[in-house]
Amino acid sequence: MNRKGQGGISGAFIAIMVAVIIGVGVTIPIVQQTIDNSSITGMTATVLGYLPVILGIVLFVAAAALIR
């Protein structure tokens, strides 16, 4: 029986899990802390406030694309 295709699926699943764990556990909190510690105000602060949300959405879309 040929099992070459199964390695690709499990490898992709592991890659998705690593990307999500690193993105959610490391990247988003660091970006949020950096934004909170900066002295940026006004419209720039509003736009930067959405950056962690955008990162989360990008991770979600990337994971969904790899699963599909």
N, C-alpha and C. Protein backbone atom coordinates (compact mmCIF):
# COMPACT_ATOMS: atom_id res chain seq x y z
N MET A 1 0.84 -1.18 0.00
CA MET A 1 0.00 0.00 0.00
C MET A 1 0.89 1.25 0.00
N ASN A 2 0.54 2.24 -0.79
CA ASN A 2 1.30 3.47 -0.92
C ASN A 2 0.82 4.48 0.12
N ARG A 3 1.72 4.95 0.99
CA ARG A 3 1.35 5.87 2.06
C ARG A 3 2.09 7.21 1.96
N LYS A 4 2.51 7.58 0.79
CA LYS A 4 3.26 8.82 0.64
C LYS A 4 2.41 10.05 0.96
N GLY A 5 1.14 10.05 0.62
CA GLY A 5 0.28 11.20 0.84
C GLY A 5 -0.02 11.47 2.30
N GLN A 6 0.06 10.46 3.14
CA GLN A 6 -0.27 10.64 4.55
C GLN A 6 0.78 11.47 5.27
N GLY A 7 2.03 11.36 4.87
CA GLY A 7 3.08 12.15 5.49
C GLY A 7 2.89 13.63 5.24
N GLY A 8 2.41 13.98 4.06
CA GLY A 8 2.18 15.39 3.75
C GLY A 8 1.08 15.99 4.58
N ILE A 9 0.03 15.23 4.82
CA ILE A 9 -1.09 15.73 5.61
C ILE A 9 -0.67 15.92 7.06
N SER A 10 0.02 14.94 7.63
CA SER A 10 0.44 15.08 9.03
C SER A 10 1.50 16.16 9.17
N GLY A 11 2.37 16.29 8.18
CA GLY A 11 3.36 17.36 8.22
C GLY A 11 2.72 18.74 8.16
N ALA A 12 1.69 18.88 7.32
CA ALA A 12 0.98 20.15 7.22
C ALA A 12 0.25 20.46 8.53
N PHE A 13 -0.34 19.43 9.15
CA PHE A 13 -1.05 19.63 10.41
C PHE A 13 -0.10 20.07 11.51
N ILE A 14 1.08 19.46 11.57
CA ILE A 14 2.08 19.85 12.56
C ILE A 14 2.55 21.28 12.30
N ALA A 15 2.73 21.64 11.04
CA ALA A 15 3.14 23.00 10.70
C ALA A 15 2.08 24.02 11.11
N ILE A 16 0.82 23.68 10.91
CA ILE A 16 -0.27 24.56 11.32
C ILE A 16 -0.26 24.76 12.82
N MET A 17 -0.12 23.68 13.57
CA MET A 17 -0.13 23.77 15.03
C MET A 17 1.04 24.61 15.53
N VAL A 18 2.23 24.41 14.97
CA VAL A 18 3.40 25.19 15.39
C VAL A 18 3.20 26.67 15.08
N ALA A 19 2.68 26.98 13.90
CA ALA A 19 2.45 28.38 13.51
C ALA A 19 1.43 29.04 14.42
N VAL A 20 0.36 28.32 14.74
CA VAL A 20 -0.68 28.90 15.60
C VAL A 20 -0.15 29.10 17.01
N ILE A 21 0.58 28.14 17.54
CA ILE A 21 1.12 28.27 18.90
C ILE A 21 2.11 29.42 18.99
N ILE A 22 3.01 29.52 18.01
CA ILE A 22 3.98 30.61 18.02
C ILE A 22 3.28 31.95 17.80
N GLY A 23 2.35 31.98 16.86
CA GLY A 23 1.65 33.24 16.57
C GLY A 23 0.82 33.74 17.72
N VAL A 24 0.03 32.85 18.31
CA VAL A 24 -0.88 33.27 19.38
C VAL A 24 -0.13 33.41 20.70
N GLY A 25 0.81 32.53 20.97
CA GLY A 25 1.49 32.53 22.26
C GLY A 25 2.65 33.48 22.36
N VAL A 26 3.24 33.85 21.25
CA VAL A 26 4.45 34.68 21.30
C VAL A 26 4.26 35.99 20.55
N THR A 27 3.90 35.92 19.29
CA THR A 27 3.89 37.11 18.45
C THR A 27 2.84 38.14 18.88
N ILE A 28 1.61 37.70 19.06
CA ILE A 28 0.54 38.65 19.40
C ILE A 28 0.79 39.33 20.75
N PRO A 29 1.17 38.60 21.83
CA PRO A 29 1.45 39.32 23.09
C PRO A 29 2.62 40.30 23.00
N ILE A 30 3.66 39.94 22.23
CA ILE A 30 4.80 40.85 22.10
C ILE A 30 4.39 42.11 21.36
N VAL A 31 3.63 41.95 20.28
CA VAL A 31 3.16 43.12 19.53
C VAL A 31 2.25 43.98 20.41
N GLN A 32 1.35 43.34 21.17
CA GLN A 32 0.44 44.09 22.04
C GLN A 32 1.21 44.85 23.12
N GLN A 33 2.20 44.23 23.73
CA GLN A 33 2.99 44.89 24.76
C GLN A 33 3.79 46.06 24.18
N THR A 34 4.33 45.88 23.00
CA THR A 34 5.09 46.95 22.36
C THR A 34 4.20 48.14 22.05
N ILE A 35 3.00 47.87 21.58
CA ILE A 35 2.05 48.96 21.30
C ILE A 35 1.64 49.66 22.57
N ASP A 36 1.38 48.88 23.63
CA ASP A 36 0.97 49.49 24.91
C ASP A 36 2.07 50.34 25.52
N ASN A 37 3.34 49.94 25.36
CA ASN A 37 4.45 50.68 25.95
C ASN A 37 4.89 51.87 25.13
N SER A 38 4.39 52.00 23.93
CA SER A 38 4.79 53.14 23.09
C SER A 38 4.00 54.38 23.49
N SER A 39 4.51 55.51 23.08
CA SER A 39 3.85 56.78 23.40
C SER A 39 3.07 57.31 22.20
N ILE A 40 2.54 56.41 21.42
CA ILE A 40 1.80 56.80 20.22
C ILE A 40 0.36 57.13 20.61
N THR A 41 -0.15 58.21 20.04
CA THR A 41 -1.52 58.62 20.34
C THR A 41 -2.27 58.92 19.04
N GLY A 42 -3.53 59.16 19.18
CA GLY A 42 -4.35 59.57 18.04
C GLY A 42 -4.69 58.44 17.10
N MET A 43 -4.79 58.79 15.83
CA MET A 43 -5.19 57.85 14.80
C MET A 43 -4.17 56.71 14.65
N THR A 44 -2.90 57.03 14.82
CA THR A 44 -1.86 56.00 14.71
C THR A 44 -2.04 54.93 15.78
N ALA A 45 -2.35 55.33 17.00
CA ALA A 45 -2.59 54.38 18.08
C ALA A 45 -3.82 53.53 17.79
N THR A 46 -4.83 54.12 17.21
CA THR A 46 -6.04 53.37 16.86
C THR A 46 -5.74 52.30 15.82
N VAL A 47 -4.99 52.69 14.80
CA VAL A 47 -4.65 51.74 13.74
C VAL A 47 -3.75 50.63 14.30
N LEU A 48 -2.75 50.98 15.09
CA LEU A 48 -1.86 49.98 15.67
C LEU A 48 -2.58 49.07 16.66
N GLY A 49 -3.65 49.57 17.27
CA GLY A 49 -4.43 48.75 18.19
C GLY A 49 -5.09 47.57 17.50
N TYR A 50 -5.34 47.71 16.21
CA TYR A 50 -5.95 46.62 15.45
C TYR A 50 -4.93 45.61 14.92
N LEU A 51 -3.65 45.90 15.05
CA LEU A 51 -2.62 45.02 14.52
C LEU A 51 -2.66 43.60 15.10
N PRO A 52 -2.81 43.40 16.41
CA PRO A 52 -2.90 42.03 16.92
C PRO A 52 -4.12 41.28 16.39
N VAL A 53 -5.22 41.97 16.19
CA VAL A 53 -6.41 41.34 15.63
C VAL A 53 -6.14 40.89 14.19
N ILE A 54 -5.49 41.74 13.44
CA ILE A 54 -5.16 41.41 12.05
C ILE A 54 -4.21 40.21 12.00
N LEU A 55 -3.24 40.16 12.91
CA LEU A 55 -2.33 39.02 12.97
C LEU A 55 -3.10 37.73 13.26
N GLY A 56 -4.06 37.80 14.18
CA GLY A 56 -4.87 36.63 14.48
C GLY A 56 -5.69 36.17 13.29
N ILE A 57 -6.25 37.11 12.56
CA ILE A 57 -7.04 36.77 11.37
C ILE A 57 -6.16 36.15 10.30
N VAL A 58 -4.97 36.69 10.12
CA VAL A 58 -4.04 36.13 9.13
C VAL A 58 -3.66 34.70 9.51
N LEU A 59 -3.40 34.44 10.78
CA LEU A 59 -3.10 33.07 11.22
C LEU A 59 -4.27 32.14 10.98
N PHE A 60 -5.48 32.61 11.25
CA PHE A 60 -6.67 31.80 11.04
C PHE A 60 -6.86 31.47 9.57
N VAL A 61 -6.69 32.46 8.71
CA VAL A 61 -6.86 32.24 7.27
C VAL A 61 -5.76 31.31 6.74
N ALA A 62 -4.53 31.49 7.20
CA ALA A 62 -3.44 30.63 6.77
C ALA A 62 -3.68 29.17 7.20
N ALA A 63 -4.15 28.99 8.42
CA ALA A 63 -4.44 27.64 8.89
C ALA A 63 -5.58 27.02 8.08
N ALA A 64 -6.60 27.79 7.79
CA ALA A 64 -7.71 27.29 7.01
C ALA A 64 -7.27 26.94 5.58
N ALA A 65 -6.38 27.73 5.01
CA ALA A 65 -5.89 27.45 3.66
C ALA A 65 -5.06 26.18 3.62
N LEU A 66 -4.27 25.94 4.66
CA LEU A 66 -3.46 24.71 4.69
C LEU A 66 -4.31 23.48 4.92
N ILE A 67 -5.36 23.62 5.70
CA ILE A 67 -6.25 22.48 5.94
C ILE A 67 -7.00 22.11 4.68
N ARG A 68 -7.45 23.11 3.95
CA ARG A 68 -8.21 22.90 2.73
C ARG A 68 -7.32 22.35 1.68
